[in-house]
Amino acid sequence: MYLAGKNNVSRKEYYIGGGNPKIMKDYLYEARNVLGVDTKLLIGERPDDGLRFNFDWYDISAFAAETGYKPYVSFPQAVKNLSEWVSSMQA
């Protein structure tokens, strides 16, 4: 958000992320593995809602070009950082 304000971006909407979109279930499995938990995720338990997404929607190249944004924390590292932060808040 800082970069968007600092660089006076031209568009009103951008996706901001790691630049490597995946299907949600892949993120959930990856988070579960990083956390080392044996939680059943219940993927596919609900009926398909019919929504279809296009990976091009999550392209961060326009935002990166206008602001110099570059993701520097991987998803697994972000999960680990969040887990450590939550743990520190409970101590």
PDB file of N, CA and C in Angstrom:
ATOM      1  N   MET A   1       0.830  -1.170   0.000  1.00  0.00           N
ATOM      2  CA  MET A   1       0.000   0.000   0.000  1.00  0.00           C
ATOM      3  C   MET A   1       0.886   1.249   0.000  1.00  0.00           C
ATOM      4  N   TYR A   2       1.969   1.166   0.747  1.00  0.00           N
ATOM      5  CA  TYR A   2       2.911   2.273   0.770  1.00  0.00           C
ATOM      6  C   TYR A   2       3.419   2.582  -0.636  1.00  0.00           C
ATOM      7  N   LEU A   3       3.804   1.545  -1.367  1.00  0.00           N
ATOM      8  CA  LEU A   3       4.328   1.746  -2.717  1.00  0.00           C
ATOM      9  C   LEU A   3       3.279   2.321  -3.655  1.00  0.00           C
ATOM     10  N   ALA A   4       2.030   1.917  -3.500  1.00  0.00           N
ATOM     11  CA  ALA A   4       0.957   2.450  -4.353  1.00  0.00           C
ATOM     12  C   ALA A   4       0.813   3.950  -4.126  1.00  0.00           C
ATOM     13  N   GLY A   5       0.822   4.379  -2.872  1.00  0.00           N
ATOM     14  CA  GLY A   5       0.711   5.804  -2.576  1.00  0.00           C
ATOM     15  C   GLY A   5       1.939   6.586  -2.986  1.00  0.00           C
ATOM     16  N   LYS A   6       3.087   6.036  -2.718  1.00  0.00           N
ATOM     17  CA  LYS A   6       4.349   6.712  -3.022  1.00  0.00           C
ATOM     18  C   LYS A   6       4.535   6.917  -4.522  1.00  0.00           C
ATOM     19  N   ASN A   7       4.088   5.964  -5.319  1.00  0.00           N
ATOM     20  CA  ASN A   7       4.333   6.007  -6.755  1.00  0.00           C
ATOM     21  C   ASN A   7       3.165   6.514  -7.578  1.00  0.00           C
ATOM     22  N   ASN A   8       2.104   6.965  -6.940  1.00  0.00           N
ATOM     23  CA  ASN A   8       0.957   7.532  -7.661  1.00  0.00           C
ATOM     24  C   ASN A   8       0.564   6.641  -8.843  1.00  0.00           C
ATOM     25  N   VAL A   9       0.145   5.433  -8.528  1.00  0.00           N
ATOM     26  CA  VAL A   9      -0.179   4.447  -9.567  1.00  0.00           C
ATOM     27  C   VAL A   9      -1.322   4.909 -10.452  1.00  0.00           C
ATOM     28  N   SER A  10      -1.350   4.391 -11.678  1.00  0.00           N
ATOM     29  CA  SER A  10      -2.320   4.849 -12.673  1.00  0.00           C
ATOM     30  C   SER A  10      -3.648   4.106 -12.629  1.00  0.00           C
ATOM     31  N   ARG A  11      -3.644   2.894 -12.140  1.00  0.00           N
ATOM     32  CA  ARG A  11      -4.878   2.104 -12.104  1.00  0.00           C
ATOM     33  C   ARG A  11      -5.497   2.142 -10.715  1.00  0.00           C
ATOM     34  N   LYS A  12      -6.780   1.823 -10.633  1.00  0.00           N
ATOM     35  CA  LYS A  12      -7.473   1.800  -9.346  1.00  0.00           C
ATOM     36  C   LYS A  12      -7.399   0.445  -8.670  1.00  0.00           C
ATOM     37  N   GLU A  13      -7.185  -0.609  -9.441  1.00  0.00           N
ATOM     38  CA  GLU A  13      -7.197  -1.956  -8.885  1.00  0.00           C
ATOM     39  C   GLU A  13      -5.955  -2.730  -9.311  1.00  0.00           C
ATOM     40  N   TYR A  14      -5.361  -3.406  -8.350  1.00  0.00           N
ATOM     41  CA  TYR A  14      -4.218  -4.269  -8.594  1.00  0.00           C
ATOM     42  C   TYR A  14      -4.348  -5.485  -7.686  1.00  0.00           C
ATOM     43  N   TYR A  15      -3.826  -6.587  -8.132  1.00  0.00           N
ATOM     44  CA  TYR A  15      -3.644  -7.721  -7.243  1.00  0.00           C
ATOM     45  C   TYR A  15      -2.237  -7.624  -6.704  1.00  0.00           C
ATOM     46  N   ILE A  16      -2.101  -7.826  -5.415  1.00  0.00           N
ATOM     47  CA  ILE A  16      -0.791  -7.783  -4.785  1.00  0.00           C
ATOM     48  C   ILE A  16      -0.568  -9.148  -4.151  1.00  0.00           C
ATOM     49  N   GLY A  17       0.488  -9.788  -4.519  1.00  0.00           N
ATOM     50  CA  GLY A  17       0.768 -11.118  -3.988  1.00  0.00           C
ATOM     51  C   GLY A  17       2.181 -11.509  -4.329  1.00  0.00           C
ATOM     52  N   GLY A  18       2.397 -12.799  -4.335  1.00  0.00           N
ATOM     53  CA  GLY A  18       3.728 -13.314  -4.582  1.00  0.00           C
ATOM     54  C   GLY A  18       4.056 -13.514  -6.044  1.00  0.00           C
ATOM     55  N   GLY A  19       3.072 -13.347  -6.910  1.00  0.00           N
ATOM     56  CA  GLY A  19       3.327 -13.490  -8.332  1.00  0.00           C
ATOM     57  C   GLY A  19       3.314 -14.924  -8.822  1.00  0.00           C
ATOM     58  N   ASN A  20       2.943 -15.848  -7.954  1.00  0.00           N
ATOM     59  CA  ASN A  20       2.901 -17.257  -8.333  1.00  0.00           C
ATOM     60  C   ASN A  20       1.582 -17.854  -7.836  1.00  0.00           C
ATOM     61  N   PRO A  21       0.455 -17.500  -8.470  1.00  0.00           N
ATOM     62  CA  PRO A  21      -0.833 -17.966  -7.963  1.00  0.00           C
ATOM     63  C   PRO A  21      -0.992 -19.477  -8.088  1.00  0.00           C
ATOM     64  N   LYS A  22      -1.717 -20.024  -7.124  1.00  0.00           N
ATOM     65  CA  LYS A  22      -2.013 -21.454  -7.095  1.00  0.00           C
ATOM     66  C   LYS A  22      -3.478 -21.623  -6.724  1.00  0.00           C
ATOM     67  N   ILE A  23      -3.955 -22.818  -6.897  1.00  0.00           N
ATOM     68  CA  ILE A  23      -5.290 -23.164  -6.442  1.00  0.00           C
ATOM     69  C   ILE A  23      -5.277 -23.159  -4.911  1.00  0.00           C
ATOM     70  N   MET A  24      -6.355 -22.675  -4.291  1.00  0.00           N
ATOM     71  CA  MET A  24      -6.417 -22.517  -2.838  1.00  0.00           C
ATOM     72  C   MET A  24      -6.032 -23.793  -2.090  1.00  0.00           C
ATOM     73  N   LYS A  25      -6.497 -24.936  -2.556  1.00  0.00           N
ATOM     74  CA  LYS A  25      -6.190 -26.167  -1.821  1.00  0.00           C
ATOM     75  C   LYS A  25      -4.689 -26.406  -1.753  1.00  0.00           C
ATOM     76  N   ASP A  26      -3.946 -25.983  -2.776  1.00  0.00           N
ATOM     77  CA  ASP A  26      -2.497 -26.138  -2.747  1.00  0.00           C
ATOM     78  C   ASP A  26      -1.870 -25.285  -1.648  1.00  0.00           C
ATOM     79  N   TYR A  27      -2.384 -24.067  -1.471  1.00  0.00           N
ATOM     80  CA  TYR A  27      -1.907 -23.215  -0.377  1.00  0.00           C
ATOM     81  C   TYR A  27      -2.239 -23.833   0.982  1.00  0.00           C
ATOM     82  N   LEU A  28      -3.443 -24.390   1.096  1.00  0.00           N
ATOM     83  CA  LEU A  28      -3.849 -24.992   2.369  1.00  0.00           C
ATOM     84  C   LEU A  28      -2.980 -26.188   2.727  1.00  0.00           C
ATOM     85  N   TYR A  29      -2.714 -27.048   1.753  1.00  0.00           N
ATOM     86  CA  TYR A  29      -1.842 -28.187   2.012  1.00  0.00           C
ATOM     87  C   TYR A  29      -0.432 -27.722   2.356  1.00  0.00           C
ATOM     88  N   GLU A  30       0.044 -26.716   1.669  1.00  0.00           N
ATOM     89  CA  GLU A  30       1.391 -26.204   1.940  1.00  0.00           C
ATOM     90  C   GLU A  30       1.470 -25.613   3.344  1.00  0.00           C
ATOM     91  N   ALA A  31       0.461 -24.851   3.734  1.00  0.00           N
ATOM     92  CA  ALA A  31       0.441 -24.275   5.087  1.00  0.00           C
ATOM     93  C   ALA A  31       0.412 -25.380   6.138  1.00  0.00           C
ATOM     94  N   ARG A  32      -0.402 -26.392   5.895  1.00  0.00           N
ATOM     95  CA  ARG A  32      -0.485 -27.510   6.838  1.00  0.00           C
ATOM     96  C   ARG A  32       0.879 -28.181   6.983  1.00  0.00           C
ATOM     97  N   ASN A  33       1.574 -28.371   5.873  1.00  0.00           N
ATOM     98  CA  ASN A  33       2.888 -29.005   5.927  1.00  0.00           C
ATOM     99  C   ASN A  33       3.908 -28.138   6.652  1.00  0.00           C
ATOM    100  N   VAL A  34       3.893 -26.839   6.385  1.00  0.00           N
ATOM    101  CA  VAL A  34       4.828 -25.924   7.052  1.00  0.00           C
ATOM    102  C   VAL A  34       4.594 -25.935   8.560  1.00  0.00           C
ATOM    103  N   LEU A  35       3.335 -25.967   8.962  1.00  0.00           N
ATOM    104  CA  LEU A  35       2.998 -25.945  10.385  1.00  0.00           C
ATOM    105  C   LEU A  35       3.209 -27.300  11.057  1.00  0.00           C
ATOM    106  N   GLY A  36       3.353 -28.345  10.252  1.00  0.00           N
ATOM    107  CA  GLY A  36       3.591 -29.666  10.815  1.00  0.00           C
ATOM    108  C   GLY A  36       2.392 -30.218  11.573  1.00  0.00           C
ATOM    109  N   VAL A  37       1.202 -29.909  11.090  1.00  0.00           N
ATOM    110  CA  VAL A  37      -0.013 -30.398  11.745  1.00  0.00           C
ATOM    111  C   VAL A  37      -0.665 -31.467  10.879  1.00  0.00           C
ATOM    112  N   ASP A  38      -1.475 -32.281  11.507  1.00  0.00           N
ATOM    113  CA  ASP A  38      -2.147 -33.373  10.803  1.00  0.00           C
ATOM    114  C   ASP A  38      -3.654 -33.092  10.765  1.00  0.00           C
ATOM    115  N   THR A  39      -4.010 -31.928  10.260  1.00  0.00           N
ATOM    116  CA  THR A  39      -5.396 -31.500  10.193  1.00  0.00           C
ATOM    117  C   THR A  39      -6.026 -31.978   8.893  1.00  0.00           C
ATOM    118  N   LYS A  40      -7.203 -32.593   9.000  1.00  0.00           N
ATOM    119  CA  LYS A  40      -7.924 -32.992   7.797  1.00  0.00           C
ATOM    120  C   LYS A  40      -8.542 -31.736   7.205  1.00  0.00           C
ATOM    121  N   LEU A  41      -8.314 -31.489   5.926  1.00  0.00           N
ATOM    122  CA  LEU A  41      -8.751 -30.240   5.317  1.00  0.00           C
ATOM    123  C   LEU A  41     -10.160 -30.288   4.718  1.00  0.00           C
ATOM    124  N   LEU A  42     -10.705 -31.441   4.505  1.00  0.00           N
ATOM    125  CA  LEU A  42     -12.069 -31.591   3.991  1.00  0.00           C
ATOM    126  C   LEU A  42     -12.264 -30.942   2.614  1.00  0.00           C
ATOM    127  N   ILE A  43     -11.218 -30.980   1.799  1.00  0.00           N
ATOM    128  CA  ILE A  43     -11.304 -30.453   0.438  1.00  0.00           C
ATOM    129  C   ILE A  43     -12.335 -31.277  -0.335  1.00  0.00           C
ATOM    130  N   GLY A  44     -13.251 -30.596  -1.016  1.00  0.00           N
ATOM    131  CA  GLY A  44     -14.257 -31.269  -1.826  1.00  0.00           C
ATOM    132  C   GLY A  44     -15.505 -31.684  -1.060  1.00  0.00           C
ATOM    133  N   GLU A  45     -15.611 -31.337   0.209  1.00  0.00           N
ATOM    134  CA  GLU A  45     -16.781 -31.716   1.010  1.00  0.00           C
ATOM    135  C   GLU A  45     -18.029 -30.929   0.625  1.00  0.00           C
ATOM    136  N   ARG A  46     -17.848 -29.728   0.143  1.00  0.00           N
ATOM    137  CA  ARG A  46     -18.987 -28.906  -0.280  1.00  0.00           C
ATOM    138  C   ARG A  46     -19.158 -29.025  -1.784  1.00  0.00           C
ATOM    139  N   PRO A  47     -20.380 -28.826  -2.269  1.00  0.00           N
ATOM    140  CA  PRO A  47     -20.578 -28.880  -3.722  1.00  0.00           C
ATOM    141  C   PRO A  47     -19.836 -27.741  -4.422  1.00  0.00           C
ATOM    142  N   ASP A  48     -19.440 -27.971  -5.652  1.00  0.00           N
ATOM    143  CA  ASP A  48     -18.763 -26.959  -6.462  1.00  0.00           C
ATOM    144  C   ASP A  48     -19.691 -25.761  -6.630  1.00  0.00           C
ATOM    145  N   ASP A  49     -19.166 -24.562  -6.373  1.00  0.00           N
ATOM    146  CA  ASP A  49     -19.992 -23.350  -6.481  1.00  0.00           C
ATOM    147  C   ASP A  49     -20.026 -22.793  -7.904  1.00  0.00           C
ATOM    148  N   GLY A  50     -19.264 -23.390  -8.804  1.00  0.00           N
ATOM    149  CA  GLY A  50     -19.287 -22.969 -10.196  1.00  0.00           C
ATOM    150  C   GLY A  50     -18.375 -21.803 -10.525  1.00  0.00           C
ATOM    151  N   LEU A  51     -17.765 -21.183  -9.528  1.00  0.00           N
ATOM    152  CA  LEU A  51     -16.864 -20.062  -9.795  1.00  0.00           C
ATOM    153  C   LEU A  51     -15.593 -20.568 -10.471  1.00  0.00           C
ATOM    154  N   ARG A  52     -15.170 -19.862 -11.483  1.00  0.00           N
ATOM    155  CA  ARG A  52     -13.936 -20.204 -12.192  1.00  0.00           C
ATOM    156  C   ARG A  52     -13.036 -18.979 -12.205  1.00  0.00           C
ATOM    157  N   PHE A  53     -11.792 -19.203 -11.910  1.00  0.00           N
ATOM    158  CA  PHE A  53     -10.832 -18.114 -11.846  1.00  0.00           C
ATOM    159  C   PHE A  53      -9.793 -18.265 -12.941  1.00  0.00           C
ATOM    160  N   ASN A  54      -9.273 -17.160 -13.365  1.00  0.00           N
ATOM    161  CA  ASN A  54      -8.259 -17.125 -14.398  1.00  0.00           C
ATOM    162  C   ASN A  54      -6.966 -16.657 -13.744  1.00  0.00           C
ATOM    163  N   PHE A  55      -5.916 -17.440 -13.868  1.00  0.00           N
ATOM    164  CA  PHE A  55      -4.651 -17.068 -13.229  1.00  0.00           C
ATOM    165  C   PHE A  55      -4.129 -15.726 -13.728  1.00  0.00           C
ATOM    166  N   ASP A  56      -4.516 -15.308 -14.918  1.00  0.00           N
ATOM    167  CA  ASP A  56      -4.096 -13.994 -15.416  1.00  0.00           C
ATOM    168  C   ASP A  56      -4.628 -12.862 -14.545  1.00  0.00           C
ATOM    169  N   TRP A  57      -5.732 -13.096 -13.856  1.00  0.00           N
ATOM    170  CA  TRP A  57      -6.293 -12.064 -12.978  1.00  0.00           C
ATOM    171  C   TRP A  57      -5.324 -11.704 -11.857  1.00  0.00           C
ATOM    172  N   TYR A  58      -4.465 -12.626 -11.502  1.00  0.00           N
ATOM    173  CA  TYR A  58      -3.570 -12.442 -10.361  1.00  0.00           C
ATOM    174  C   TYR A  58      -2.159 -12.039 -10.770  1.00  0.00           C
ATOM    175  N   ASP A  59      -2.025 -11.538 -11.960  1.00  0.00           N
ATOM    176  CA  ASP A  59      -0.742 -11.092 -12.489  1.00  0.00           C
ATOM    177  C   ASP A  59      -0.338  -9.795 -11.787  1.00  0.00           C
ATOM    178  N   ILE A  60       0.811  -9.791 -11.153  1.00  0.00           N
ATOM    179  CA  ILE A  60       1.261  -8.609 -10.415  1.00  0.00           C
ATOM    180  C   ILE A  60       2.221  -7.740 -11.213  1.00  0.00           C
ATOM    181  N   SER A  61       2.441  -8.072 -12.483  1.00  0.00           N
ATOM    182  CA  SER A  61       3.470  -7.367 -13.254  1.00  0.00           C
ATOM    183  C   SER A  61       3.172  -5.872 -13.427  1.00  0.00           C
ATOM    184  N   ALA A  62       1.919  -5.474 -13.591  1.00  0.00           N
ATOM    185  CA  ALA A  62       1.603  -4.046 -13.754  1.00  0.00           C
ATOM    186  C   ALA A  62       1.945  -3.282 -12.474  1.00  0.00           C
ATOM    187  N   PHE A  63       1.567  -3.839 -11.336  1.00  0.00           N
ATOM    188  CA  PHE A  63       1.870  -3.180 -10.063  1.00  0.00           C
ATOM    189  C   PHE A  63       3.383  -3.132  -9.838  1.00  0.00           C
ATOM    190  N   ALA A  64       4.062  -4.221 -10.146  1.00  0.00           N
ATOM    191  CA  ALA A  64       5.517  -4.265  -9.984  1.00  0.00           C
ATOM    192  C   ALA A  64       6.196  -3.235 -10.887  1.00  0.00           C
ATOM    193  N   ALA A  65       5.721  -3.098 -12.120  1.00  0.00           N
ATOM    194  CA  ALA A  65       6.324  -2.146 -13.058  1.00  0.00           C
ATOM    195  C   ALA A  65       6.150  -0.708 -12.587  1.00  0.00           C
ATOM    196  N   GLU A  66       4.986  -0.400 -12.022  1.00  0.00           N
ATOM    197  CA  GLU A  66       4.728   0.983 -11.600  1.00  0.00           C
ATOM    198  C   GLU A  66       5.338   1.336 -10.259  1.00  0.00           C
ATOM    199  N   THR A  67       5.597   0.336  -9.422  1.00  0.00           N
ATOM    200  CA  THR A  67       6.014   0.640  -8.054  1.00  0.00           C
ATOM    201  C   THR A  67       7.367   0.072  -7.652  1.00  0.00           C
ATOM    202  N   GLY A  68       7.868  -0.871  -8.441  1.00  0.00           N
ATOM    203  CA  GLY A  68       9.099  -1.549  -8.048  1.00  0.00           C
ATOM    204  C   GLY A  68       8.866  -2.666  -7.052  1.00  0.00           C
ATOM    205  N   TYR A  69       7.593  -2.999  -6.796  1.00  0.00           N
ATOM    206  CA  TYR A  69       7.249  -4.062  -5.856  1.00  0.00           C
ATOM    207  C   TYR A  69       7.890  -5.375  -6.256  1.00  0.00           C
ATOM    208  N   LYS A  70       8.451  -6.047  -5.278  1.00  0.00           N
ATOM    209  CA  LYS A  70       9.012  -7.369  -5.496  1.00  0.00           C
ATOM    210  C   LYS A  70       8.775  -8.181  -4.233  1.00  0.00           C
ATOM    211  N   PRO A  71       8.053  -9.292  -4.355  1.00  0.00           N
ATOM    212  CA  PRO A  71       7.844 -10.121  -3.168  1.00  0.00           C
ATOM    213  C   PRO A  71       9.177 -10.698  -2.694  1.00  0.00           C
ATOM    214  N   TYR A  72       9.429 -10.656  -1.402  1.00  0.00           N
ATOM    215  CA  TYR A  72      10.691 -11.166  -0.892  1.00  0.00           C
ATOM    216  C   TYR A  72      10.507 -12.233   0.175  1.00  0.00           C
ATOM    217  N   VAL A  73       9.268 -12.511   0.553  1.00  0.00           N
ATOM    218  CA  VAL A  73       8.989 -13.575   1.512  1.00  0.00           C
ATOM    219  C   VAL A  73       8.133 -14.624   0.804  1.00  0.00           C
ATOM    220  N   SER A  74       8.593 -15.847   0.790  1.00  0.00           N
ATOM    221  CA  SER A  74       7.833 -16.925   0.158  1.00  0.00           C
ATOM    222  C   SER A  74       6.591 -17.243   0.987  1.00  0.00           C
ATOM    223  N   PHE A  75       5.626 -17.906   0.375  1.00  0.00           N
ATOM    224  CA  PHE A  75       4.430 -18.282   1.111  1.00  0.00           C
ATOM    225  C   PHE A  75       4.761 -19.159   2.322  1.00  0.00           C
ATOM    226  N   PRO A  76       5.589 -20.206   2.154  1.00  0.00           N
ATOM    227  CA  PRO A  76       5.916 -21.010   3.338  1.00  0.00           C
ATOM    228  C   PRO A  76       6.576 -20.195   4.449  1.00  0.00           C
ATOM    229  N   GLN A  77       7.448 -19.267   4.084  1.00  0.00           N
ATOM    230  CA  GLN A  77       8.089 -18.435   5.106  1.00  0.00           C
ATOM    231  C   GLN A  77       7.079 -17.506   5.771  1.00  0.00           C
ATOM    232  N   ALA A  78       6.136 -16.980   4.999  1.00  0.00           N
ATOM    233  CA  ALA A  78       5.095 -16.122   5.575  1.00  0.00           C
ATOM    234  C   ALA A  78       4.236 -16.897   6.567  1.00  0.00           C
ATOM    235  N   VAL A  79       3.910 -18.145   6.243  1.00  0.00           N
ATOM    236  CA  VAL A  79       3.135 -18.987   7.174  1.00  0.00           C
ATOM    237  C   VAL A  79       3.941 -19.206   8.449  1.00  0.00           C
ATOM    238  N   LYS A  80       5.213 -19.507   8.296  1.00  0.00           N
ATOM    239  CA  LYS A  80       6.072 -19.725   9.465  1.00  0.00           C
ATOM    240  C   LYS A  80       6.172 -18.448  10.311  1.00  0.00           C
ATOM    241  N   ASN A  81       6.365 -17.307   9.655  1.00  0.00           N
ATOM    242  CA  ASN A  81       6.450 -16.035  10.387  1.00  0.00           C
ATOM    243  C   ASN A  81       5.171 -15.761  11.164  1.00  0.00           C
ATOM    244  N   LEU A  82       4.024 -15.989  10.527  1.00  0.00           N
ATOM    245  CA  LEU A  82       2.745 -15.757  11.194  1.00  0.00           C
ATOM    246  C   LEU A  82       2.575 -16.697  12.376  1.00  0.00           C
ATOM    247  N   SER A  83       2.929 -17.962  12.192  1.00  0.00           N
ATOM    248  CA  SER A  83       2.826 -18.937  13.275  1.00  0.00           C
ATOM    249  C   SER A  83       3.691 -18.529  14.468  1.00  0.00           C
ATOM    250  N   GLU A  84       4.902 -18.100  14.192  1.00  0.00           N
ATOM    251  CA  GLU A  84       5.804 -17.664  15.267  1.00  0.00           C
ATOM    252  C   GLU A  84       5.263 -16.426  15.964  1.00  0.00           C
ATOM    253  N   TRP A  85       4.683 -15.511  15.217  1.00  0.00           N
ATOM    254  CA  TRP A  85       4.117 -14.302  15.807  1.00  0.00           C
ATOM    255  C   TRP A  85       2.931 -14.646  16.701  1.00  0.00           C
ATOM    256  N   VAL A  86       2.041 -15.502  16.223  1.00  0.00           N
ATOM    257  CA  VAL A  86       0.881 -15.918  17.042  1.00  0.00           C
ATOM    258  C   VAL A  86       1.364 -16.602  18.309  1.00  0.00           C
ATOM    259  N   SER A  87       2.348 -17.468  18.183  1.00  0.00           N
ATOM    260  CA  SER A  87       2.889 -18.153  19.357  1.00  0.00           C
ATOM    261  C   SER A  87       3.472 -17.169  20.358  1.00  0.00           C
ATOM    262  N   SER A  88       4.151 -16.154  19.878  1.00  0.00           N
ATOM    263  CA  SER A  88       4.751 -15.155  20.776  1.00  0.00           C
ATOM    264  C   SER A  88       3.685 -14.325  21.492  1.00  0.00           C
ATOM    265  N   MET A  89       2.535 -14.165  20.855  1.00  0.00           N
ATOM    266  CA  MET A  89       1.443 -13.399  21.480  1.00  0.00           C
ATOM    267  C   MET A  89       0.764 -14.195  22.593  1.00  0.00           C
ATOM    268  N   GLN A  90       0.865 -15.510  22.524  1.00  0.00           N
ATOM    269  CA  GLN A  90       0.232 -16.376  23.512  1.00  0.00           C
ATOM    270  C   GLN A  90       1.122 -16.603  24.724  1.00  0.00           C
ATOM    271  N   ALA A  91       2.382 -16.251  24.624  1.00  0.00           N
ATOM    272  CA  ALA A  91       3.327 -16.487  25.726  1.00  0.00           C
ATOM    273  C   ALA A  91       3.184 -15.473  26.822  1.00  0.00           C
TER     274      ALA A  91
END
